[in-house]
Amino acid sequence: MHSSAVFLIEFGAIILGLGLLGRLAARLSFSPIPLYLLAGLAFGEGGLLPLGASEEFVAIGAEIGVVLLLLMLGLEYTASDLVSNLRTQYPAGIVDATLNALPGAVMALLLGWGPIAAVVLAGITWISSSGVIAKVLGDLGRIGNRETPVILSILVLEDLSMAVYLPVVTALLAGTGLAAGSVTLAVALGVAGLVLLLAVRFGRHISRFVSSDDPEKLLLVVLGLTLLVAGVAQQLQVSAAVGAFLVGIALSGEVAEGAHNLLAPLRDLFAAVFFVFFGLHTDPASIPPVLLPALALAVVTTLTKIATGYWAARRAGISAKGRWRAGGTLVARGEFSIVIAGLAVTAGIDSDLGPLATAYVLILVVLGPLTARYTEPVARRLAGLAGRRTAPAAGGPSPAEDGEAALLDQDPVGRS
């Protein structure tokens, strides 16, 4: 009885604290993810007040949080969206993966962590945060901007890539040897491909089976199906996250919209628990030794993400202002990076990988909304300064005027 009372007190305090942190983040107009991570650091190993009775339940809640995060991402896209994005935007996806995964892989090798850690850190630095970016676009009133479809296309391609990347990482982290690992990887990719094919070919039938006018029944069926598929996927070394993501893709139309509305509060609750759980298993004392590499990695991958967005928007015919906005918006990292790092920490790959990922995400989840807001005006100012230095002695428009005119091009939707 006493232990159950302690559990209720601890878990109630966690949920209450997360609610207050979320409210604070909303008032400050930035993502609550860094506050959740800091809360986990405060109450975890080496923190101010380590948890006891509720830690096991928090671990289960964290697993559900990952499943719901990926399910909700999948609900944002239909099978036709995925096929269309693959056909038209795959060059941007290739550039994105090359520019942003390579720094993470190089950093892991420079730190002497080995090739498996290099694959893991490459994924952490590659994937932008769909949740943070979606919130930033809404907060800045840019949903209707011409560059926004380019941003969303890159995010869709990254999410799709996770359906292949996560099974690869899961097989590598299993450490079952070359032969067994190859079989595990082949099974994982085969299952992921099969589920994706079923989602594309039979998504309407699956939606019809799940559909219900009763919100209670719809919630139970969708949640139950997702957890079931996620569990089977994990048993087959595919990753529960990928299974949940593919279930989301398979659902479409009114079913997807209804499920999204019903599951959003649950997603927010368990996703917050997930970020806290990741912080719980990171000793705050382990962060300072990796802070410099995390900061260097954040600086490099901020520049590579801006370059990615600029290139993709230019390829789509967007004006200079929109190109800079697209690049700055893509900088934020968040949920996917923590999911990938969590897999590696659970597998015990390297004791410094978790702290590095935590510090890296903390830096970029705070910096991301700032780069989204200020990359374009800073680029415009720098173009003006560079132009004035090379201005002609007399007569005619200066290069600064030309540069500023290009950067000040109005988007067709009329947003400046």
Protein backbone atom coordinates (compact mmCIF):
# COMPACT_ATOMS: atom_id res chain seq x y z
CA MET A 1 0.00 0.00 0.00
CA HIS A 2 2.81 2.36 0.95
CA SER A 3 4.65 1.76 -2.34
CA SER A 4 1.50 2.40 -4.38
CA ALA A 5 0.99 5.69 -2.53
CA VAL A 6 4.59 6.71 -3.28
CA PHE A 7 4.08 5.76 -6.93
CA LEU A 8 0.94 7.92 -7.20
CA ILE A 9 2.69 10.84 -5.52
CA GLU A 10 5.77 10.59 -7.76
CA PHE A 11 3.92 10.07 -11.02
CA GLY A 12 1.35 12.75 -10.17
CA ALA A 13 4.17 15.19 -9.43
CA ILE A 14 5.81 14.33 -12.79
CA ILE A 15 2.61 14.95 -14.77
CA LEU A 16 1.85 18.16 -12.87
CA GLY A 17 5.41 19.38 -13.41
CA LEU A 18 5.24 18.59 -17.13
CA GLY A 19 2.00 20.53 -17.42
CA LEU A 20 3.54 23.57 -15.76
CA LEU A 21 6.66 23.32 -17.94
CA GLY A 22 4.49 23.08 -21.06
CA ARG A 23 2.58 26.19 -19.99
CA LEU A 24 5.87 28.04 -19.41
CA ALA A 25 7.17 27.01 -22.85
CA ALA A 26 3.96 28.24 -24.49
CA ARG A 27 4.34 31.64 -22.81
CA LEU A 28 7.95 31.85 -24.02
CA SER A 29 6.85 30.74 -27.54
CA PHE A 30 9.23 27.82 -27.96
CA SER A 31 9.12 24.01 -27.88
CA PRO A 32 8.70 22.37 -24.44
CA ILE A 33 11.06 19.51 -25.41
CA PRO A 34 14.20 21.07 -23.85
CA LEU A 35 12.31 21.70 -20.60
CA TYR A 36 11.14 18.07 -20.52
CA LEU A 37 14.71 16.86 -21.08
CA LEU A 38 15.96 19.14 -18.30
CA ALA A 39 13.26 17.79 -15.98
CA GLY A 40 14.44 14.25 -16.70
CA LEU A 41 18.03 15.26 -15.99
CA ALA A 42 16.94 16.78 -12.66
CA PHE A 43 15.14 13.62 -11.48
CA GLY A 44 17.35 10.94 -13.00
CA GLU A 45 20.73 9.39 -12.33
CA GLY A 46 22.90 11.94 -10.56
CA GLY A 47 20.07 14.49 -10.52
CA LEU A 48 18.63 16.55 -7.69
CA LEU A 49 15.94 14.07 -6.63
CA PRO A 50 16.15 10.59 -8.24
CA LEU A 51 12.85 8.75 -8.71
CA GLY A 52 12.16 5.37 -7.19
CA ALA A 53 8.73 3.74 -7.28
CA SER A 54 7.47 5.27 -10.56
CA GLU A 55 10.53 4.72 -12.76
CA GLU A 56 9.33 1.38 -14.21
CA PHE A 57 5.94 2.86 -15.13
CA VAL A 58 7.66 5.88 -16.70
CA ALA A 59 9.70 3.46 -18.85
CA ILE A 60 6.51 1.81 -20.14
CA GLY A 61 4.93 5.21 -20.73
CA ALA A 62 8.01 6.26 -22.69
CA GLU A 63 7.62 3.26 -25.05
CA ILE A 64 4.00 4.19 -25.63
CA GLY A 65 5.11 7.78 -26.23
CA VAL A 66 7.42 6.73 -29.06
CA VAL A 67 4.66 4.63 -30.64
CA LEU A 68 2.16 7.50 -30.49
CA LEU A 69 4.65 10.06 -31.83
CA LEU A 70 5.27 7.95 -34.91
CA LEU A 71 1.61 7.01 -35.33
CA MET A 72 0.62 10.69 -35.38
CA LEU A 73 3.33 11.49 -37.90
CA GLY A 74 2.04 8.71 -40.13
CA LEU A 75 -1.52 10.04 -39.88
CA GLU A 76 -0.33 13.30 -41.46
CA TYR A 77 0.40 11.57 -44.79
CA THR A 78 -1.55 9.41 -47.20
CA ALA A 79 -0.04 6.70 -49.36
CA SER A 80 -0.51 8.89 -52.45
CA ASP A 81 1.32 11.75 -50.70
CA LEU A 82 4.26 9.47 -50.04
CA VAL A 83 4.46 8.20 -53.62
CA SER A 84 4.16 11.73 -55.03
CA ASN A 85 6.87 13.11 -52.73
CA LEU A 86 9.21 10.26 -53.55
CA ARG A 87 8.85 10.89 -57.28
CA THR A 88 9.24 14.67 -57.27
CA GLN A 89 11.40 15.55 -54.27
CA TYR A 90 13.86 12.65 -53.97
CA PRO A 91 16.86 14.79 -55.11
CA ALA A 92 16.24 17.12 -52.14
CA GLY A 93 16.06 14.07 -49.87
CA ILE A 94 19.41 12.81 -51.15
CA VAL A 95 21.05 16.21 -50.61
CA ASP A 96 19.48 16.42 -47.14
CA ALA A 97 20.77 12.98 -46.11
CA THR A 98 24.26 13.60 -47.49
CA LEU A 99 24.81 17.04 -45.99
CA ASN A 100 23.33 16.32 -42.58
CA ALA A 101 24.12 12.67 -41.86
CA LEU A 102 27.78 12.94 -42.81
CA PRO A 103 28.79 15.36 -39.99
CA GLY A 104 27.35 13.01 -37.35
CA ALA A 105 29.13 9.98 -38.79
CA VAL A 106 32.44 11.86 -39.01
CA MET A 107 32.11 13.12 -35.43
CA ALA A 108 31.49 9.61 -34.07
CA LEU A 109 34.55 8.28 -35.91
CA LEU A 110 36.71 11.19 -34.71
CA LEU A 111 35.64 10.44 -31.13
CA GLY A 112 36.64 6.79 -31.63
CA TRP A 113 33.17 5.35 -31.09
CA GLY A 114 33.24 2.95 -34.04
CA PRO A 115 31.12 2.41 -37.18
CA ILE A 116 27.85 1.42 -35.46
CA ALA A 117 27.86 4.58 -33.34
CA ALA A 118 28.68 6.50 -36.55
CA VAL A 119 25.49 5.18 -38.19
CA VAL A 120 23.48 6.11 -35.08
CA LEU A 121 24.91 9.64 -34.76
CA ALA A 122 24.42 10.17 -38.50
CA GLY A 123 20.70 9.58 -38.01
CA ILE A 124 20.57 11.89 -35.00
CA THR A 125 22.07 14.80 -36.97
CA TRP A 126 20.12 14.04 -40.15
CA ILE A 127 16.48 14.12 -39.03
CA SER A 128 14.71 17.43 -38.40
CA SER A 129 11.92 17.69 -35.85
CA SER A 130 8.54 17.53 -37.63
CA GLY A 131 6.71 18.48 -34.43
CA VAL A 132 8.80 21.55 -33.62
CA ILE A 133 8.85 22.72 -37.26
CA ALA A 134 5.08 22.35 -37.66
CA LYS A 135 4.57 24.47 -34.53
CA VAL A 136 7.05 27.10 -35.74
CA LEU A 137 5.34 27.38 -39.14
CA GLY A 138 2.01 27.94 -37.42
CA ASP A 139 3.40 30.43 -34.90
CA LEU A 140 5.09 32.49 -37.64
CA GLY A 141 2.04 32.43 -39.93
CA ARG A 142 3.92 30.71 -42.77
CA ILE A 143 1.58 27.79 -43.49
CA GLY A 144 0.53 29.41 -46.79
CA ASN A 145 4.01 30.50 -47.91
CA ARG A 146 5.39 29.16 -51.18
CA GLU A 147 8.41 27.59 -49.47
CA THR A 148 6.30 25.61 -46.99
CA PRO A 149 5.49 22.69 -49.37
CA VAL A 150 9.24 22.31 -49.96
CA ILE A 151 9.85 22.13 -46.20
CA LEU A 152 7.07 19.61 -45.73
CA SER A 153 8.33 17.48 -48.64
CA ILE A 154 11.76 17.20 -47.01
CA LEU A 155 10.15 16.25 -43.70
CA VAL A 156 8.02 13.58 -45.41
CA LEU A 157 11.09 12.11 -47.10
CA GLU A 158 12.93 12.05 -43.77
CA ASP A 159 10.00 10.32 -42.09
CA LEU A 160 9.83 7.79 -44.93
CA SER A 161 13.55 7.17 -44.67
CA MET A 162 13.02 6.23 -41.04
CA ALA A 163 11.02 3.22 -42.21
CA VAL A 164 14.29 1.90 -43.67
CA TYR A 165 16.82 3.49 -41.33
CA LEU A 166 15.32 2.30 -38.01
CA PRO A 167 15.28 -1.40 -38.98
CA VAL A 168 18.90 -1.05 -40.13
CA VAL A 169 19.92 0.55 -36.82
CA THR A 170 17.94 -2.02 -34.82
CA ALA A 171 19.72 -4.89 -36.59
CA LEU A 172 23.13 -3.26 -36.13
CA LEU A 173 22.52 -2.60 -32.45
CA ALA A 174 21.46 -6.22 -31.92
CA GLY A 175 25.09 -7.20 -32.57
CA THR A 176 24.20 -10.69 -33.76
CA GLY A 177 27.19 -11.16 -36.07
CA LEU A 178 27.50 -10.69 -39.83
CA ALA A 179 25.48 -13.69 -41.02
CA ALA A 180 22.73 -13.52 -38.42
CA GLY A 181 22.69 -9.73 -38.66
CA SER A 182 22.22 -9.87 -42.43
CA VAL A 183 19.27 -12.24 -42.02
CA THR A 184 17.76 -10.01 -39.32
CA LEU A 185 18.22 -6.95 -41.49
CA ALA A 186 16.71 -8.66 -44.53
CA VAL A 187 13.69 -9.76 -42.47
CA ALA A 188 13.31 -6.27 -41.01
CA LEU A 189 13.43 -4.53 -44.38
CA GLY A 190 11.15 -7.16 -45.92
CA VAL A 191 8.53 -6.73 -43.21
CA ALA A 192 8.74 -2.93 -43.43
CA GLY A 193 8.37 -3.09 -47.22
CA LEU A 194 5.44 -5.50 -46.95
CA VAL A 195 3.60 -3.31 -44.45
CA LEU A 196 4.24 -0.23 -46.59
CA LEU A 197 2.91 -2.08 -49.66
CA LEU A 198 -0.22 -3.09 -47.75
CA ALA A 199 -0.66 0.51 -46.63
CA VAL A 200 -0.42 1.77 -50.23
CA ARG A 201 -2.55 -0.94 -51.85
CA PHE A 202 -5.15 -1.64 -49.15
CA GLY A 203 -5.20 1.54 -47.06
CA ARG A 204 -8.86 2.23 -47.88
CA HIS A 205 -9.92 -1.24 -46.74
CA ILE A 206 -7.97 -0.89 -43.51
CA SER A 207 -9.57 2.50 -42.88
CA ARG A 208 -13.02 1.05 -43.54
CA PHE A 209 -12.34 -1.77 -41.06
CA VAL A 210 -11.20 0.66 -38.36
CA SER A 211 -13.89 3.31 -39.01
CA SER A 212 -16.55 3.92 -36.38
CA ASP A 213 -18.98 6.75 -35.62
CA ASP A 214 -18.45 6.18 -31.89
CA PRO A 215 -15.31 8.05 -30.73
CA GLU A 216 -14.73 5.55 -27.91
CA LYS A 217 -14.72 2.56 -30.25
CA LEU A 218 -12.55 4.38 -32.82
CA LEU A 219 -10.01 5.27 -30.14
CA LEU A 220 -9.85 1.73 -28.78
CA VAL A 221 -9.53 0.08 -32.21
CA VAL A 222 -6.88 2.48 -33.54
CA LEU A 223 -4.83 2.42 -30.33
CA GLY A 224 -5.13 -1.35 -30.00
CA LEU A 225 -4.19 -1.96 -33.64
CA THR A 226 -1.21 0.38 -33.37
CA LEU A 227 0.17 -1.22 -30.21
CA LEU A 228 -0.38 -4.70 -31.68
CA VAL A 229 1.42 -3.92 -34.94
CA ALA A 230 4.18 -2.07 -33.06
CA GLY A 231 4.73 -5.06 -30.79
CA VAL A 232 4.83 -7.54 -33.69
CA ALA A 233 7.20 -5.25 -35.60
CA GLN A 234 9.54 -5.04 -32.62
CA GLN A 235 9.45 -8.82 -32.23
CA LEU A 236 10.57 -9.08 -35.88
CA GLN A 237 13.41 -6.55 -35.28
CA VAL A 238 11.68 -3.89 -37.39
CA SER A 239 11.23 -1.36 -34.52
CA ALA A 240 7.94 -0.54 -32.86
CA ALA A 241 8.28 3.06 -34.08
CA VAL A 242 8.29 2.01 -37.74
CA GLY A 243 5.29 -0.26 -37.19
CA ALA A 244 3.33 2.61 -35.67
CA PHE A 245 4.39 4.98 -38.46
CA LEU A 246 3.15 2.56 -41.13
CA VAL A 247 -0.18 2.08 -39.34
CA GLY A 248 -0.62 5.85 -39.47
CA ILE A 249 0.11 5.87 -43.20
CA ALA A 250 -2.42 3.09 -43.78
CA LEU A 251 -5.25 5.11 -42.22
CA SER A 252 -6.72 7.90 -44.33
CA GLY A 253 -9.70 10.20 -44.78
CA GLU A 254 -12.17 10.74 -41.94
CA VAL A 255 -10.68 7.87 -39.95
CA ALA A 256 -7.25 9.51 -39.90
CA GLU A 257 -8.73 12.89 -38.98
CA GLY A 258 -10.89 11.43 -36.22
CA ALA A 259 -8.04 9.32 -34.83
CA HIS A 260 -5.73 12.35 -34.88
CA ASN A 261 -8.16 14.43 -32.82
CA LEU A 262 -8.74 11.64 -30.31
CA LEU A 263 -5.10 10.63 -29.90
CA ALA A 264 -3.52 14.10 -29.79
CA PRO A 265 -3.92 14.50 -25.99
CA LEU A 266 -2.57 10.99 -25.36
CA ARG A 267 0.35 11.68 -27.72
CA ASP A 268 1.20 14.88 -25.88
CA LEU A 269 1.08 13.15 -22.49
CA PHE A 270 3.17 10.10 -23.33
CA ALA A 271 5.57 11.99 -25.59
CA ALA A 272 6.37 14.28 -22.66
CA VAL A 273 6.94 11.19 -20.51
CA PHE A 274 9.27 9.82 -23.21
CA PHE A 275 11.47 12.92 -23.20
CA VAL A 276 11.58 12.85 -19.40
CA PHE A 277 12.54 9.17 -19.47
CA PHE A 278 15.43 9.87 -21.83
CA GLY A 279 16.64 12.57 -19.46
CA LEU A 280 16.26 10.22 -16.49
CA HIS A 281 18.86 7.89 -17.96
CA THR A 282 21.37 10.63 -18.68
CA ASP A 283 23.66 11.67 -15.83
CA PRO A 284 23.94 15.49 -15.85
CA ALA A 285 27.61 15.15 -14.91
CA SER A 286 28.22 13.32 -18.21
CA ILE A 287 27.09 16.29 -20.35
CA PRO A 288 29.92 18.84 -19.76
CA PRO A 289 32.63 16.52 -21.24
CA VAL A 290 30.66 16.21 -24.51
CA LEU A 291 29.33 19.78 -24.61
CA LEU A 292 32.07 21.05 -26.94
CA PRO A 293 31.58 18.27 -29.55
CA ALA A 294 27.79 18.76 -29.30
CA LEU A 295 28.16 22.50 -29.85
CA ALA A 296 30.52 22.00 -32.81
CA LEU A 297 28.11 19.47 -34.32
CA ALA A 298 25.18 21.86 -33.77
CA VAL A 299 26.99 24.71 -35.56
CA VAL A 300 27.97 22.54 -38.54
CA THR A 301 24.57 20.90 -38.98
CA THR A 302 22.78 24.23 -38.59
CA LEU A 303 24.71 25.45 -41.63
CA THR A 304 24.11 22.21 -43.58
CA LYS A 305 20.35 22.31 -42.89
CA ILE A 306 20.16 25.93 -44.02
CA ALA A 307 22.06 24.95 -47.18
CA THR A 308 19.67 22.02 -47.73
CA GLY A 309 16.55 24.17 -47.46
CA TYR A 310 18.03 26.91 -49.62
CA TRP A 311 18.99 24.44 -52.37
CA ALA A 312 15.62 22.64 -52.31
CA ALA A 313 13.65 25.91 -52.41
CA ARG A 314 15.82 27.27 -55.22
CA ARG A 315 15.22 24.08 -57.19
CA ALA A 316 11.46 24.64 -56.71
CA GLY A 317 11.70 28.20 -58.07
CA ILE A 318 11.16 29.99 -54.74
CA SER A 319 12.42 33.58 -54.32
CA ALA A 320 15.58 34.32 -52.34
CA LYS A 321 13.68 35.27 -49.21
CA GLY A 322 11.77 32.00 -49.25
CA ARG A 323 14.98 30.02 -49.75
CA TRP A 324 16.53 31.46 -46.59
CA ARG A 325 13.30 30.91 -44.65
CA ALA A 326 13.13 27.29 -45.78
CA GLY A 327 16.71 26.66 -44.68
CA GLY A 328 16.31 28.32 -41.29
CA THR A 329 13.06 26.47 -40.57
CA LEU A 330 14.64 23.01 -41.04
CA VAL A 331 17.29 23.45 -38.32
CA ALA A 332 15.35 22.14 -35.29
CA ARG A 333 16.03 18.57 -34.13
CA GLY A 334 13.84 16.80 -31.60
CA GLU A 335 11.74 13.68 -31.24
CA PHE A 336 13.31 11.45 -33.93
CA SER A 337 16.84 12.28 -32.80
CA ILE A 338 15.96 11.29 -29.24
CA VAL A 339 14.23 8.10 -30.44
CA ILE A 340 17.38 7.05 -32.33
CA ALA A 341 19.63 7.93 -29.40
CA GLY A 342 17.32 6.03 -27.05
CA LEU A 343 17.75 2.85 -29.10
CA ALA A 344 21.53 3.18 -28.86
CA VAL A 345 21.51 3.95 -25.13
CA THR A 346 19.31 0.90 -24.46
CA ALA A 347 21.74 -1.26 -26.45
CA GLY A 348 24.70 0.15 -24.48
CA ILE A 349 26.69 1.27 -27.52
CA ASP A 350 28.68 4.07 -25.89
CA SER A 351 28.17 5.79 -22.56
CA ASP A 352 28.82 9.24 -24.08
CA LEU A 353 26.36 8.91 -26.95
CA GLY A 354 23.26 9.63 -24.85
CA PRO A 355 24.69 12.77 -23.20
CA LEU A 356 25.96 14.04 -26.56
CA ALA A 357 22.55 13.51 -28.17
CA THR A 358 20.81 15.22 -25.24
CA ALA A 359 23.10 18.27 -25.40
CA TYR A 360 22.82 18.39 -29.21
CA VAL A 361 19.01 18.27 -29.20
CA LEU A 362 18.81 20.82 -26.37
CA ILE A 363 20.93 23.25 -28.38
CA LEU A 364 19.06 22.86 -31.67
CA VAL A 365 15.54 22.62 -30.29
CA VAL A 366 16.14 26.06 -28.76
CA LEU A 367 18.09 27.42 -31.74
CA GLY A 368 15.68 26.06 -34.38
CA PRO A 369 12.79 28.53 -33.79
CA LEU A 370 15.34 31.37 -33.74
CA THR A 371 16.90 30.40 -37.08
CA ALA A 372 13.40 30.02 -38.57
CA ARG A 373 12.61 33.60 -37.58
CA TYR A 374 15.94 35.34 -38.18
CA THR A 375 17.89 33.52 -40.94
CA GLU A 376 16.26 35.52 -43.74
CA PRO A 377 16.68 39.02 -42.21
CA VAL A 378 20.28 38.22 -41.21
CA ALA A 379 21.05 37.00 -44.75
CA ARG A 380 19.48 40.18 -46.15
CA ARG A 381 21.59 42.35 -43.83
CA LEU A 382 24.80 40.49 -44.71
CA ALA A 383 24.03 40.80 -48.43
CA GLY A 384 23.58 44.53 -47.96
CA LEU A 385 26.89 44.90 -46.10
CA ALA A 386 28.77 42.85 -48.68
CA GLY A 387 27.23 44.90 -51.48
CA ARG A 388 28.21 48.22 -49.91
CA ARG A 389 31.83 47.12 -49.64
CA THR A 390 31.92 46.45 -53.40
CA ALA A 391 29.77 49.43 -54.43
CA PRO A 392 30.97 51.28 -57.60
CA ALA A 393 32.53 54.69 -57.17
CA ALA A 394 29.92 56.49 -59.23
CA GLY A 395 26.76 55.92 -61.27
CA GLY A 396 24.40 52.99 -61.71
CA PRO A 397 22.83 50.68 -59.12
CA SER A 398 25.25 49.16 -56.65
CA PRO A 399 25.63 45.41 -56.12
CA ALA A 400 24.12 45.96 -52.67
CA GLU A 401 20.97 47.34 -54.25
CA ASP A 402 20.83 44.41 -56.66
CA GLY A 403 21.36 41.92 -53.83
CA GLU A 404 18.78 43.52 -51.57
CA ALA A 405 16.29 43.71 -54.43
CA ALA A 406 16.66 39.98 -55.01
CA LEU A 407 16.32 39.18 -51.32
CA LEU A 408 13.32 41.48 -50.96
CA ASP A 409 11.36 39.79 -53.75
CA GLN A 410 7.83 39.30 -52.50
CA ASP A 411 6.45 35.78 -52.56
CA PRO A 412 3.31 35.41 -54.72
CA VAL A 413 1.22 34.86 -51.58
CA GLY A 414 2.11 38.41 -50.48
CA ARG A 415 4.03 37.62 -47.30
CA SER A 416 7.19 39.66 -46.83
